[in-house]
Each structure stands twice: as structure tokens, then as C-alpha cells.
Amino acid sequence: MEETQQTPELYDVVIPPGVPRSIIREIIRRFPGELVDRMQRLKFANMDGDERELIAFRTDLATAQAVEQYLYDELKVFIGEE
């Protein structure tokens, strides 16, 4: 009988433009996954419908959720909310 390996489902956490490089470097250092390019359709202001190439962190669901929370927390610190 042939064994089939399921590849785990991966999720992307899109990193918004303007996120400091230091935060991106720390995400790469702290969490398992990889930084990837991703086309994303924008839906705001005068860019409605434009597609831009953004970067994203690709990983499993639990890690993606942790990365998203870490990114949010670090951005709050960076802008001085905490």
C-alpha cells in the first residue's frame, strides 16, 4: 500500500507597507515559516482594484495567528500606543 503524505495547509500573513524592517526581521527570527511575495488587490482610497506585490509570512495556521498578534502588538509599541 502506498502512503500519501498530506502537506500541511499554509496561511499568509500579509505585511502592510511601511512596517519597519526591524519588526519583519524579528518575525523571521522568532517564527517558523518563510517570507514570500504575494499579489494583493487593494480596496481603499484611489487604489481600489489595483494589484500590488506585497510581502507575506507563510506558515501554518497557529503560527500565522501568533505572527499576526505579534505584528499588531509590535506596531502599537512602535507608534507609541503602549
Protein backbone atom coordinates (compact mmCIF):
# COMPACT_ATOMS: atom_id res chain seq x y z
CA MET A 1 0.00 0.00 0.00
CA GLU A 2 1.33 3.42 -0.94
CA GLU A 3 1.47 6.02 1.80
CA THR A 4 0.46 9.53 0.87
CA GLN A 5 1.77 12.44 2.86
CA GLN A 6 -0.53 15.36 3.25
CA THR A 7 1.16 18.70 3.01
CA PRO A 8 0.04 20.98 5.80
CA GLU A 9 -2.22 23.85 4.83
CA LEU A 10 -0.28 27.10 4.85
CA TYR A 11 -1.53 30.61 5.51
CA ASP A 12 -0.17 34.02 4.58
CA VAL A 13 0.06 36.96 6.95
CA VAL A 14 0.32 39.93 4.60
CA ILE A 15 2.74 42.52 5.94
CA PRO A 16 1.37 46.00 5.31
CA PRO A 17 3.58 48.52 3.50
CA GLY A 18 5.51 50.67 5.94
CA VAL A 19 6.15 48.02 8.60
CA PRO A 20 9.66 48.66 9.96
CA ARG A 21 12.32 46.23 8.76
CA SER A 22 13.30 45.53 12.36
CA ILE A 23 9.85 44.05 13.04
CA ILE A 24 9.96 41.95 9.87
CA ARG A 25 13.43 40.65 10.78
CA GLU A 26 12.21 39.74 14.26
CA ILE A 27 9.23 37.81 12.84
CA ILE A 28 11.57 35.83 10.59
CA ARG A 29 13.86 35.12 13.56
CA ARG A 30 11.11 34.14 16.03
CA PHE A 31 8.65 32.12 13.97
CA PRO A 32 8.93 29.09 11.66
CA GLY A 33 7.88 29.89 8.11
CA GLU A 34 9.08 31.84 5.12
CA LEU A 35 8.84 35.31 3.67
CA VAL A 36 7.13 35.26 0.25
CA ASP A 37 5.95 37.70 -2.40
CA ARG A 38 2.20 37.90 -2.88
CA MET A 39 -0.04 39.84 -5.24
CA GLN A 40 -2.81 41.58 -3.30
CA ARG A 41 -5.77 43.53 -4.63
CA LEU A 42 -6.12 46.83 -2.78
CA LYS A 43 -9.52 48.17 -1.78
CA PHE A 44 -9.14 51.66 -0.42
CA ALA A 45 -8.99 55.30 -1.47
CA ASN A 46 -7.77 55.91 -5.01
CA MET A 47 -6.21 52.44 -5.28
CA ASP A 48 -9.47 50.49 -5.40
CA GLY A 49 -8.88 47.42 -7.54
CA ASP A 50 -5.14 47.98 -8.06
CA GLU A 51 -2.94 44.95 -7.50
CA ARG A 52 0.36 45.36 -5.71
CA GLU A 53 3.12 42.93 -4.91
CA LEU A 54 3.43 42.77 -1.14
CA ILE A 55 5.38 40.53 1.17
CA ALA A 56 3.78 37.95 3.40
CA PHE A 57 4.89 35.46 6.02
CA ARG A 58 3.74 31.94 5.04
CA THR A 59 3.27 29.36 7.78
CA ASP A 60 0.75 27.05 9.49
CA LEU A 61 -2.48 28.41 10.99
CA ALA A 62 -1.42 28.53 14.65
CA THR A 63 1.84 30.28 13.81
CA ALA A 64 0.09 32.68 11.40
CA GLN A 65 -2.24 33.71 14.21
CA ALA A 66 0.74 34.22 16.56
CA VAL A 67 2.59 36.25 13.89
CA GLU A 68 -0.48 38.41 13.31
CA GLN A 69 -0.79 39.15 17.05
CA TYR A 70 2.95 39.81 17.38
CA LEU A 71 2.88 42.18 14.40
CA TYR A 72 -0.10 44.07 15.83
CA ASP A 73 1.50 44.34 19.29
CA GLU A 74 4.86 45.49 17.92
CA LEU A 75 3.27 48.11 15.68
CA LYS A 76 1.37 49.51 18.67
CA VAL A 77 4.65 49.82 20.57
CA PHE A 78 6.37 51.38 17.53
CA ILE A 79 3.77 54.12 17.17
CA GLY A 80 3.77 54.75 20.90
CA GLU A 81 0.37 53.42 21.94
CA GLU A 82 1.89 51.22 24.62
